[in-house]
Amino acid sequence: MFNKHKTDILIIILLTALSAPLRFINLGYSEFQDDEKKAYIRLAKDQTVTDFLLQQRKGPMQFLATYIPYSITGDYRNELAGRLPFTLINTASVIVLYLLLKKLTKSRMASVFGAVLYMTNGFIVGFSRIAQYQNLNLFFSLFSLLFYADLMDGKKHLIRKSLLGTLFFCLSLLSHWDAIFYLVPVVYFFIIFLLRKDIPNNYKIRVTIYNVLLGSLVLLPFMIPYVNYHTSNKQSTDYFGRRIGLSAYSFIKHRFIFELYNPFVTLPFYLSLCALSVLFVKKNLIYFVWFFINFILIRYFMAKPGTHIYNYVIPMIFLISFLTASVLENGSKIIRTVLGFGVFFIYAVFAYQSYMIFVDHKAEYPWDEKTIFNYTTIPYVEKEVLTFGFPHNRNWKGVNEFILNYNDKCSYITNEGKEVSQIYTDIKFGNTTKCHYIISVKRPFISTRDGIIYPGTGKNNLIYQYEKDDEVLTKVYFKNPVSSDSPALFEDMLLTN
């Protein structure tokens, strides 16, 4: 069996080795950002786990994934442990994508190229470095397509394979509703199966019924109470109403988000190869339809898509892989050789780019500009865009430890978003009528708060500071109770440069 699959096994080992540096090096450097905190099960008083899961705005899978490291470490603040399951799953998705593309394109080289684009893409690398549902969506959705693809031309075990496809697609849905962006190929594979002449109709009916039953058994026990809760909860309906609607994001903002994660020549490179694929490769029409539908849905019907735009990047990788397969099939031996070397050159370029952006933290992009290949990254101007996976550390654990030893009876205020600071602090936030700390962060993670300063941050009040490479990034000031004529609410004390 090893000899039969020797080449694929070696390729899988190679792809894993090429993926690992972008995912595992410095994985625990960055502090948790707000959405990572929300990935943990944290029960309110008298709240059950069932109630907690039903009240979330996504499925339960990511909470199960974060519970694994928490059950071992008992520490909600262990970044490396919390992220590790998601990083492993993201790495596994590289292998699944390779196997899927190989099944569809019938070309190992084209599939390796697709896997290289995927493993080095800024969105995928960024997601691999956080504890978030996107990694589960990618893995389960691609795995479901791997099994569903056999419906088009497979001869054996179609019931078993289709049921596995349905199981993994349901797990993707239970991770996040982004799974719907894979419905185009799922439906296409089933339509091709139902149109096949070499399979009896009664067998097609059995396959369809079994898959509907399995999907219902997996999804409905969660979905029925979930939908019932959220449709009867005004806060939830308002939230989903804000997220789903005519988009306010322009093409320019879509481009900004893409280039924030994939700067320099990445976007024109993707677009030019996709255009060639659409123009000259006929059998990939369905993957263009997939891209087009995802793009339209995200562009026009998601009010604030943010990094969800990665869902139309995945079909782009399929289009490029089919173009590569066509060139390999019709090109000369010289062209195939050049293309082979080109794949590794492209890996080197994009991998170095992603390494400098996500792994290297001498300068913390995008809060700091970086120069890569003699090009300087774009300024981080759209600061409301969430920055997943980028390096950012202001030593909040050290700040919290110092404060607890200094005086743990006081509260604190900070120019960092409380969504981040409250992950790490054990004292209360916001009350300045009594003794309190002022924590001033340089280039905070929540960048819209950059430039906010407070009165009382003179040298005499400075009690702690955190430095990195001779630059002070965090300062802690201590203030005694404010006078009676001082404002009681900390937001009234803000001074903006």
Protein backbone atom coordinates (compact mmCIF):
# COMPACT_ATOMS: atom_id res chain seq x y z
CA MET A 1 0.00 0.00 0.00
CA PHE A 2 2.88 2.36 0.79
CA ASN A 3 4.40 1.85 -2.66
CA LYS A 4 1.02 2.54 -4.29
CA HIS A 5 0.65 5.87 -2.51
CA LYS A 6 4.35 6.61 -1.99
CA THR A 7 4.35 9.80 -4.07
CA ASP A 8 1.28 11.22 -2.36
CA ILE A 9 2.66 10.39 1.08
CA LEU A 10 5.92 12.18 0.27
CA ILE A 11 4.00 15.18 -1.07
CA ILE A 12 1.87 15.29 2.09
CA ILE A 13 5.01 15.24 4.25
CA LEU A 14 6.51 18.02 2.11
CA LEU A 15 3.38 20.18 2.27
CA THR A 16 3.20 19.73 6.04
CA ALA A 17 6.84 20.76 6.40
CA LEU A 18 6.32 23.81 4.18
CA SER A 19 3.18 24.84 6.08
CA ALA A 20 4.54 24.43 9.60
CA PRO A 21 6.89 27.46 9.90
CA LEU A 22 4.09 29.89 9.03
CA ARG A 23 1.79 28.35 11.61
CA PHE A 24 3.76 27.15 14.62
CA ILE A 25 6.72 29.53 15.01
CA ASN A 26 5.95 32.22 17.63
CA LEU A 27 2.37 30.92 17.89
CA GLY A 28 2.09 31.99 21.52
CA TYR A 29 3.66 35.44 21.09
CA SER A 30 0.52 37.46 20.44
CA GLU A 31 -2.00 38.10 23.15
CA PHE A 32 -5.58 36.98 22.66
CA GLN A 33 -7.78 39.36 20.74
CA ASP A 34 -11.44 39.86 21.52
CA ASP A 35 -12.90 37.13 19.31
CA GLU A 36 -10.53 34.52 20.74
CA LYS A 37 -11.85 35.23 24.23
CA LYS A 38 -15.35 34.55 22.91
CA ALA A 39 -14.29 31.10 21.70
CA TYR A 40 -14.18 29.74 25.27
CA ILE A 41 -17.06 28.41 27.32
CA ARG A 42 -17.46 30.91 30.15
CA LEU A 43 -20.65 30.37 32.08
CA ALA A 44 -22.52 33.13 33.86
CA LYS A 45 -24.01 32.44 37.27
CA ASP A 46 -26.61 29.64 37.11
CA GLN A 47 -26.07 29.28 33.35
CA THR A 48 -25.86 25.77 31.90
CA VAL A 49 -23.56 24.72 29.07
CA THR A 50 -26.61 24.08 26.88
CA ASP A 51 -27.96 27.58 27.50
CA PHE A 52 -24.54 29.07 26.80
CA LEU A 53 -24.17 27.27 23.46
CA LEU A 54 -27.68 28.18 22.31
CA GLN A 55 -27.09 31.84 23.10
CA GLN A 56 -23.98 32.11 20.91
CA ARG A 57 -24.17 33.49 17.38
CA LYS A 58 -22.41 30.53 15.86
CA GLY A 59 -22.39 26.77 16.26
CA PRO A 60 -20.83 24.88 19.17
CA MET A 61 -17.77 23.33 17.52
CA GLN A 62 -15.18 25.99 18.34
CA PHE A 63 -16.20 25.88 22.01
CA LEU A 64 -15.57 22.15 22.05
CA ALA A 65 -12.17 22.73 20.40
CA THR A 66 -11.07 25.30 23.00
CA TYR A 67 -12.31 23.12 25.85
CA ILE A 68 -9.68 20.49 25.00
CA PRO A 69 -6.62 22.60 25.89
CA TYR A 70 -8.46 24.29 28.77
CA SER A 71 -9.27 20.89 30.30
CA ILE A 72 -5.52 20.16 30.28
CA THR A 73 -4.05 23.52 31.35
CA GLY A 74 -6.95 24.99 33.33
CA ASP A 75 -5.83 28.37 31.99
CA TYR A 76 -8.00 30.62 29.81
CA ARG A 77 -4.99 32.85 29.17
CA ASN A 78 -2.62 30.28 27.69
CA GLU A 79 -2.39 31.52 24.10
CA LEU A 80 -0.23 28.68 22.78
CA ALA A 81 -2.41 25.92 24.21
CA GLY A 82 -5.65 27.62 23.20
CA ARG A 83 -4.56 28.07 19.60
CA LEU A 84 -2.83 24.75 19.07
CA PRO A 85 -5.92 22.65 18.12
CA PHE A 86 -6.93 25.25 15.53
CA THR A 87 -3.41 25.47 14.12
CA LEU A 88 -3.25 21.69 13.75
CA ILE A 89 -6.65 21.65 12.03
CA ASN A 90 -5.58 24.45 9.69
CA THR A 91 -2.42 22.52 8.78
CA ALA A 92 -4.50 19.41 8.12
CA SER A 93 -6.74 21.44 5.80
CA VAL A 94 -3.72 22.03 3.54
CA ILE A 95 -3.47 18.27 3.03
CA VAL A 96 -7.22 17.92 2.49
CA LEU A 97 -7.13 20.66 -0.14
CA TYR A 98 -4.28 18.93 -1.95
CA LEU A 99 -6.17 15.62 -2.04
CA LEU A 100 -9.36 17.35 -3.18
CA LEU A 101 -7.64 19.26 -5.99
CA LYS A 102 -5.83 16.10 -7.08
CA LYS A 103 -9.16 14.28 -7.31
CA LEU A 104 -10.71 17.11 -9.35
CA THR A 105 -7.82 18.18 -11.60
CA LYS A 106 -6.15 14.75 -11.97
CA SER A 107 -2.81 16.55 -11.65
CA ARG A 108 -0.43 16.30 -8.70
CA MET A 109 1.58 19.36 -9.73
CA ALA A 110 -1.52 21.53 -10.14
CA SER A 111 -2.75 20.32 -6.76
CA VAL A 112 0.58 21.10 -5.12
CA PHE A 113 0.41 24.59 -6.62
CA GLY A 114 -3.11 25.08 -5.26
CA ALA A 115 -1.99 23.87 -1.84
CA VAL A 116 0.98 26.27 -1.94
CA LEU A 117 -1.29 29.23 -2.70
CA TYR A 118 -3.62 28.14 0.08
CA MET A 119 -0.96 27.51 2.74
CA THR A 120 0.75 30.88 2.10
CA ASN A 121 -2.39 33.00 1.67
CA GLY A 122 -2.53 35.70 4.31
CA PHE A 123 -6.10 34.94 5.37
CA ILE A 124 -5.34 31.26 5.87
CA VAL A 125 -2.07 31.92 7.71
CA GLY A 126 -3.71 34.56 9.90
CA PHE A 127 -6.56 32.22 10.82
CA SER A 128 -4.09 29.44 11.62
CA ARG A 129 -2.60 31.60 14.36
CA ILE A 130 -5.81 32.27 16.32
CA ALA A 131 -8.36 30.20 18.22
CA GLN A 132 -11.30 30.75 15.90
CA TYR A 133 -13.98 28.90 13.94
CA GLN A 134 -12.55 29.71 10.47
CA ASN A 135 -10.06 26.85 10.78
CA LEU A 136 -12.88 24.41 11.52
CA ASN A 137 -14.94 25.73 8.61
CA LEU A 138 -12.05 25.32 6.20
CA PHE A 139 -11.16 21.81 7.33
CA PHE A 140 -14.68 20.38 7.57
CA SER A 141 -15.94 22.06 4.38
CA LEU A 142 -12.99 20.94 2.26
CA PHE A 143 -13.17 17.45 3.78
CA SER A 144 -16.86 17.24 2.89
CA LEU A 145 -16.07 18.20 -0.73
CA LEU A 146 -13.37 15.52 -0.82
CA PHE A 147 -16.01 12.85 -0.16
CA TYR A 148 -18.81 14.45 -2.18
CA ALA A 149 -16.52 14.67 -5.24
CA ASP A 150 -16.68 10.88 -5.59
CA LEU A 151 -20.36 11.20 -6.46
CA MET A 152 -19.40 12.53 -9.89
CA ASP A 153 -17.48 9.52 -11.18
CA GLY A 154 -16.91 7.12 -8.29
CA LYS A 155 -17.92 3.48 -8.60
CA LYS A 156 -17.65 2.07 -5.09
CA HIS A 157 -18.89 2.92 -1.59
CA LEU A 158 -20.86 5.97 -2.74
CA ILE A 159 -23.31 5.70 0.15
CA ARG A 160 -20.52 5.62 2.70
CA LYS A 161 -18.57 8.44 1.05
CA SER A 162 -21.58 10.68 0.59
CA LEU A 163 -22.59 10.14 4.21
CA LEU A 164 -19.10 11.15 5.32
CA GLY A 165 -19.42 14.23 3.13
CA THR A 166 -22.73 15.10 4.78
CA LEU A 167 -21.32 14.49 8.26
CA PHE A 168 -18.38 16.84 7.68
CA PHE A 169 -20.55 19.46 6.03
CA CYS A 170 -22.85 19.40 9.06
CA LEU A 171 -19.84 19.78 11.35
CA SER A 172 -18.80 22.79 9.29
CA LEU A 173 -22.26 24.31 9.68
CA LEU A 174 -22.07 23.65 13.41
CA SER A 175 -18.77 25.55 13.42
CA HIS A 176 -20.11 28.64 11.65
CA TRP A 177 -22.70 29.57 9.06
CA ASP A 178 -19.86 30.34 6.59
CA ALA A 179 -20.32 26.71 5.53
CA ILE A 180 -23.08 27.94 3.20
CA PHE A 181 -20.36 29.36 0.96
CA TYR A 182 -19.51 25.77 -0.03
CA LEU A 183 -23.04 24.91 -1.14
CA VAL A 184 -22.35 25.57 -4.83
CA PRO A 185 -19.90 22.66 -5.30
CA VAL A 186 -21.92 20.45 -2.94
CA VAL A 187 -25.09 20.94 -4.98
CA TYR A 188 -23.16 20.56 -8.23
CA PHE A 189 -21.62 17.23 -7.19
CA PHE A 190 -25.07 15.91 -6.23
CA ILE A 191 -26.64 17.08 -9.50
CA ILE A 192 -23.93 15.33 -11.52
CA PHE A 193 -24.54 12.20 -9.45
CA LEU A 194 -28.30 12.30 -10.07
CA LEU A 195 -27.72 12.73 -13.82
CA ARG A 196 -25.37 9.75 -14.13
CA LYS A 197 -26.63 7.05 -16.49
CA ASP A 198 -24.51 4.25 -15.04
CA ILE A 199 -26.24 4.26 -11.65
CA PRO A 200 -29.77 2.87 -11.08
CA ASN A 201 -32.43 5.33 -9.96
CA ASN A 202 -33.28 3.32 -6.87
CA TYR A 203 -29.64 3.60 -5.74
CA LYS A 204 -29.74 7.38 -6.28
CA ILE A 205 -32.90 7.57 -4.17
CA ARG A 206 -31.28 5.57 -1.38
CA VAL A 207 -28.21 7.81 -1.37
CA THR A 208 -30.39 10.93 -1.24
CA ILE A 209 -32.65 9.64 1.54
CA TYR A 210 -29.74 8.42 3.67
CA ASN A 211 -27.98 11.78 3.39
CA VAL A 212 -31.11 13.76 4.24
CA LEU A 213 -31.68 11.54 7.27
CA LEU A 214 -28.09 11.85 8.49
CA GLY A 215 -28.05 15.61 7.98
CA SER A 216 -31.29 15.92 9.92
CA LEU A 217 -30.04 13.73 12.77
CA VAL A 218 -26.83 15.75 13.12
CA LEU A 219 -28.22 19.26 12.67
CA LEU A 220 -31.78 19.36 13.98
CA PRO A 221 -31.12 18.54 17.68
CA PHE A 222 -29.09 21.74 17.85
CA MET A 223 -30.73 23.86 15.16
CA ILE A 224 -34.35 23.62 16.35
CA PRO A 225 -33.76 25.06 19.85
CA TYR A 226 -31.10 27.41 18.46
CA VAL A 227 -33.40 28.96 15.86
CA ASN A 228 -36.24 29.08 18.36
CA TYR A 229 -34.09 30.98 20.86
CA HIS A 230 -32.68 33.53 18.42
CA THR A 231 -35.91 34.25 16.56
CA SER A 232 -37.59 35.06 19.87
CA ASN A 233 -34.70 37.19 21.16
CA LYS A 234 -34.76 40.83 20.03
CA GLN A 235 -31.06 41.36 20.67
CA SER A 236 -30.24 38.43 18.39
CA THR A 237 -32.61 39.48 15.61
CA ASP A 238 -31.16 43.00 15.75
CA TYR A 239 -27.63 41.58 15.54
CA PHE A 240 -28.35 39.36 12.54
CA GLY A 241 -30.26 42.23 10.97
CA ARG A 242 -27.14 44.38 11.19
CA ARG A 243 -24.91 41.66 9.75
CA ILE A 244 -27.15 40.59 6.87
CA GLY A 245 -28.29 43.35 4.58
CA LEU A 246 -27.20 45.51 1.68
CA SER A 247 -23.46 45.95 2.00
CA ALA A 248 -21.87 49.27 2.85
CA TYR A 249 -18.44 47.93 1.87
CA SER A 250 -17.11 49.34 -1.40
CA PHE A 251 -14.83 47.51 -3.81
CA ILE A 252 -12.02 49.69 -2.47
CA LYS A 253 -12.59 48.40 1.06
CA HIS A 254 -12.67 44.79 -0.16
CA ARG A 255 -9.35 45.47 -1.84
CA PHE A 256 -7.97 47.07 1.32
CA ILE A 257 -8.88 44.02 3.41
CA PHE A 258 -7.38 41.63 0.86
CA GLU A 259 -4.15 43.63 0.61
CA LEU A 260 -3.90 44.06 4.37
CA TYR A 261 -3.46 40.28 4.61
CA ASN A 262 -1.91 39.76 1.16
CA PRO A 263 0.10 42.85 0.18
CA PHE A 264 2.12 43.85 -2.88
CA VAL A 265 1.53 41.74 -6.03
CA THR A 266 -0.70 39.05 -4.51
CA LEU A 267 -4.03 40.45 -5.71
CA PRO A 268 -3.02 41.12 -9.35
CA PHE A 269 -1.32 37.70 -9.41
CA TYR A 270 -4.52 35.95 -8.30
CA LEU A 271 -6.79 37.99 -10.57
CA SER A 272 -4.68 37.55 -13.70
CA LEU A 273 -4.45 33.77 -13.31
CA CYS A 274 -8.17 33.51 -12.53
CA ALA A 275 -8.98 35.54 -15.66
CA LEU A 276 -6.83 33.23 -17.80
CA SER A 277 -8.50 30.22 -16.22
CA VAL A 278 -12.01 31.51 -16.96
CA LEU A 279 -11.08 32.41 -20.55
CA PHE A 280 -9.24 29.26 -21.56
CA VAL A 281 -10.32 26.37 -19.31
CA LYS A 282 -13.85 25.23 -20.07
CA LYS A 283 -14.29 22.49 -17.48
CA ASN A 284 -13.86 24.82 -14.51
CA LEU A 285 -17.04 26.82 -15.20
CA ILE A 286 -18.67 25.58 -12.01
CA TYR A 287 -15.78 26.96 -9.94
CA PHE A 288 -16.20 30.37 -11.56
CA VAL A 289 -19.92 30.17 -10.71
CA TRP A 290 -18.89 29.29 -7.15
CA PHE A 291 -16.60 32.32 -6.98
CA PHE A 292 -19.19 34.61 -8.58
CA ILE A 293 -22.05 33.61 -6.25
CA ASN A 294 -19.87 33.89 -3.14
CA PHE A 295 -18.58 37.27 -4.27
CA ILE A 296 -22.08 38.62 -4.96
CA LEU A 297 -23.43 37.35 -1.63
CA ILE A 298 -20.53 38.82 0.34
CA ARG A 299 -20.27 42.05 -1.64
CA TYR A 300 -23.94 42.96 -1.65
CA PHE A 301 -25.65 41.09 1.18
CA MET A 302 -23.17 41.19 4.09
CA ALA A 303 -23.29 44.60 5.73
CA LYS A 304 -19.80 44.26 7.20
CA PRO A 305 -18.06 41.25 5.65
CA GLY A 306 -14.58 41.92 7.06
CA THR A 307 -12.38 38.86 6.68
CA HIS A 308 -15.34 36.77 5.49
CA ILE A 309 -14.15 37.78 2.02
CA TYR A 310 -11.79 34.80 2.24
CA ASN A 311 -14.80 32.75 1.18
CA TYR A 312 -14.44 33.96 -2.38
CA VAL A 313 -10.65 33.50 -2.30
CA ILE A 314 -11.01 29.71 -1.95
CA PRO A 315 -12.77 29.32 -5.36
CA MET A 316 -10.02 31.49 -6.88
CA ILE A 317 -7.47 28.90 -5.80
CA PHE A 318 -9.55 26.20 -7.52
CA LEU A 319 -9.66 28.25 -10.74
CA ILE A 320 -5.88 28.73 -10.68
CA SER A 321 -5.33 25.01 -10.03
CA PHE A 322 -7.45 24.06 -13.05
CA LEU A 323 -5.50 26.52 -15.21
CA THR A 324 -2.26 24.94 -14.02
CA ALA A 325 -3.57 21.45 -14.79
CA SER A 326 -4.53 22.56 -18.30
CA VAL A 327 -1.08 24.03 -18.95
CA LEU A 328 0.58 20.86 -17.70
CA GLU A 329 -1.67 18.68 -19.83
CA ASN A 330 -1.17 20.63 -23.05
CA GLY A 331 2.30 22.12 -22.57
CA SER A 332 5.67 20.77 -23.61
CA LYS A 333 8.12 19.08 -21.28
CA ILE A 334 10.07 22.33 -20.99
CA ILE A 335 6.94 24.22 -19.93
CA ARG A 336 6.14 21.57 -17.35
CA THR A 337 9.69 21.77 -15.96
CA VAL A 338 9.61 25.56 -15.79
CA LEU A 339 6.21 25.43 -14.10
CA GLY A 340 7.54 22.99 -11.53
CA PHE A 341 10.36 25.33 -10.57
CA GLY A 342 7.90 28.22 -10.67
CA VAL A 343 5.73 26.61 -8.00
CA PHE A 344 8.60 26.55 -5.53
CA PHE A 345 9.64 30.09 -6.46
CA ILE A 346 6.08 31.29 -5.80
CA TYR A 347 6.07 29.40 -2.51
CA ALA A 348 9.32 31.10 -1.50
CA VAL A 349 7.97 34.58 -2.32
CA PHE A 350 4.55 34.22 -0.69
CA ALA A 351 5.85 32.22 2.28
CA TYR A 352 8.49 34.84 3.05
CA GLN A 353 5.88 37.56 2.72
CA SER A 354 3.49 35.83 5.13
CA TYR A 355 6.34 34.98 7.50
CA MET A 356 7.38 38.62 7.76
CA ILE A 357 3.78 39.74 8.27
CA PHE A 358 2.45 37.13 10.70
CA VAL A 359 5.43 35.39 12.32
CA ASP A 360 8.21 37.96 12.62
CA HIS A 361 7.39 40.49 15.33
CA LYS A 362 10.38 42.80 15.37
CA ALA A 363 7.91 45.27 13.90
CA GLU A 364 4.27 44.42 14.54
CA TYR A 365 2.44 44.74 11.24
CA PRO A 366 -0.01 46.35 10.48
CA TRP A 367 0.34 48.70 13.47
CA ASP A 368 3.92 49.21 12.27
CA GLU A 369 4.85 49.47 8.62
CA LYS A 370 7.19 46.83 7.24
CA THR A 371 9.49 46.75 4.24
CA ILE A 372 9.48 43.45 2.35
CA PHE A 373 11.28 42.98 -0.98
CA ASN A 374 12.04 46.74 -0.89
CA TYR A 375 8.30 47.48 -0.79
CA THR A 376 6.69 49.21 2.18
CA THR A 377 3.34 47.92 3.39
CA ILE A 378 0.23 50.08 3.07
CA PRO A 379 -0.68 52.31 6.04
CA TYR A 380 -3.26 50.82 8.38
CA VAL A 381 -5.95 53.42 7.70
CA GLU A 382 -9.17 51.37 7.93
CA LYS A 383 -8.74 50.74 11.63
CA GLU A 384 -12.15 49.22 12.23
CA VAL A 385 -11.08 46.18 10.19
CA LEU A 386 -10.36 43.30 12.57
CA THR A 387 -6.77 42.13 12.50
CA PHE A 388 -6.74 38.36 12.93
CA GLY A 389 -3.44 36.58 13.49
CA PHE A 390 -1.08 39.55 13.28
CA PRO A 391 1.62 39.85 15.98
CA HIS A 392 0.72 42.13 18.89
CA ASN A 393 1.90 41.93 22.49
CA ARG A 394 1.73 44.56 25.24
CA ASN A 395 2.55 42.27 28.19
CA TRP A 396 -0.91 42.33 29.76
CA LYS A 397 -0.07 39.28 31.85
CA GLY A 398 2.89 41.12 33.34
CA VAL A 399 0.75 44.21 33.92
CA ASN A 400 -1.90 42.16 35.72
CA GLU A 401 0.67 40.38 37.90
CA PHE A 402 2.26 43.69 38.87
CA ILE A 403 -1.08 45.32 39.71
CA LEU A 404 -2.21 42.39 41.86
CA ASN A 405 0.99 42.65 43.88
CA TYR A 406 0.84 46.46 44.10
CA ASN A 407 -2.79 47.02 45.12
CA ASP A 408 -5.54 44.72 43.94
CA LYS A 409 -8.36 46.79 45.47
CA CYS A 410 -8.27 49.48 42.77
CA SER A 411 -9.83 49.62 39.31
CA TYR A 412 -8.21 50.59 36.01
CA ILE A 413 -8.77 52.50 32.79
CA THR A 414 -6.85 52.13 29.55
CA ASN A 415 -6.64 53.40 26.01
CA GLU A 416 -6.71 49.76 24.87
CA GLY A 417 -10.13 48.35 24.15
CA LYS A 418 -11.61 46.74 27.24
CA GLU A 419 -12.44 43.76 25.00
CA VAL A 420 -8.70 42.99 25.06
CA SER A 421 -7.67 44.25 28.50
CA GLN A 422 -10.41 42.37 30.36
CA ILE A 423 -9.07 39.07 29.04
CA TYR A 424 -5.99 39.51 31.22
CA THR A 425 -6.91 41.76 34.16
CA ASP A 426 -8.36 40.54 37.45
CA ILE A 427 -9.43 43.96 38.71
CA LYS A 428 -12.49 45.95 37.66
CA PHE A 429 -12.55 48.27 34.69
CA GLY A 430 -13.76 51.85 34.56
CA ASN A 431 -14.34 53.27 38.05
CA THR A 432 -12.13 56.36 38.61
CA THR A 433 -13.90 57.70 41.72
CA LYS A 434 -11.51 55.67 43.87
CA CYS A 435 -7.89 54.62 43.47
CA HIS A 436 -7.21 53.43 39.96
CA TYR A 437 -4.54 52.57 37.45
CA ILE A 438 -4.12 54.25 34.09
CA ILE A 439 -2.69 51.78 31.60
CA SER A 440 -1.35 53.53 28.52
CA VAL A 441 -0.60 51.33 25.53
CA LYS A 442 1.36 52.42 22.49
CA ARG A 443 -0.32 51.37 19.24
CA PRO A 444 -3.15 49.44 20.96
CA PHE A 445 -4.74 46.42 19.34
CA ILE A 446 -8.08 48.25 19.12
CA SER A 447 -6.52 50.89 16.90
CA THR A 448 -9.50 53.25 16.90
CA ARG A 449 -8.46 54.12 20.47
CA ASP A 450 -4.93 55.11 19.47
CA GLY A 451 -4.08 58.64 20.56
CA ILE A 452 -6.32 58.67 23.64
CA ILE A 453 -4.50 59.97 26.71
CA TYR A 454 -5.55 60.72 30.29
CA PRO A 455 -4.72 63.43 32.82
CA GLY A 456 -2.49 62.29 35.63
CA THR A 457 0.00 60.38 33.52
CA GLY A 458 3.06 62.26 34.68
CA LYS A 459 6.38 60.75 35.68
CA ASN A 460 5.55 60.94 39.38
CA ASN A 461 2.61 58.59 38.89
CA LEU A 462 4.45 56.07 36.69
CA ILE A 463 4.88 52.76 38.52
CA TYR A 464 5.51 50.20 35.76
CA GLN A 465 6.51 50.04 32.13
CA TYR A 466 7.08 47.35 29.53
CA GLU A 467 9.80 47.73 26.93
CA LYS A 468 10.58 45.86 23.76
CA ASP A 469 13.72 46.58 21.74
CA ASP A 470 14.30 49.79 23.74
CA GLU A 471 10.81 51.09 22.99
CA VAL A 472 8.34 51.57 25.82
CA LEU A 473 5.05 49.97 24.73
CA THR A 474 3.06 49.90 27.97
CA LYS A 475 3.02 52.27 30.94
CA VAL A 476 1.06 51.91 34.17
CA TYR A 477 0.26 54.96 36.30
CA PHE A 478 -1.32 54.94 39.75
CA LYS A 479 -3.72 57.62 41.00
CA ASN A 480 -5.20 58.12 44.44
CA PRO A 481 -8.92 58.96 44.72
CA VAL A 482 -9.78 61.95 42.54
CA SER A 483 -11.01 65.16 44.09
CA SER A 484 -14.72 65.86 44.38
CA ASP A 485 -14.72 68.27 41.46
CA SER A 486 -13.11 65.73 39.15
CA PRO A 487 -15.26 63.87 36.65
CA ALA A 488 -16.43 60.53 37.96
CA LEU A 489 -16.68 58.68 34.69
CA PHE A 490 -13.44 57.82 32.96
CA GLU A 491 -14.78 58.47 29.45
CA ASP A 492 -15.27 62.13 30.48
CA MET A 493 -11.56 62.33 31.25
CA LEU A 494 -10.38 61.45 27.75
CA LEU A 495 -8.12 63.87 25.98
CA THR A 496 -7.51 63.19 22.33
CA ASN A 497 -4.41 64.37 20.50
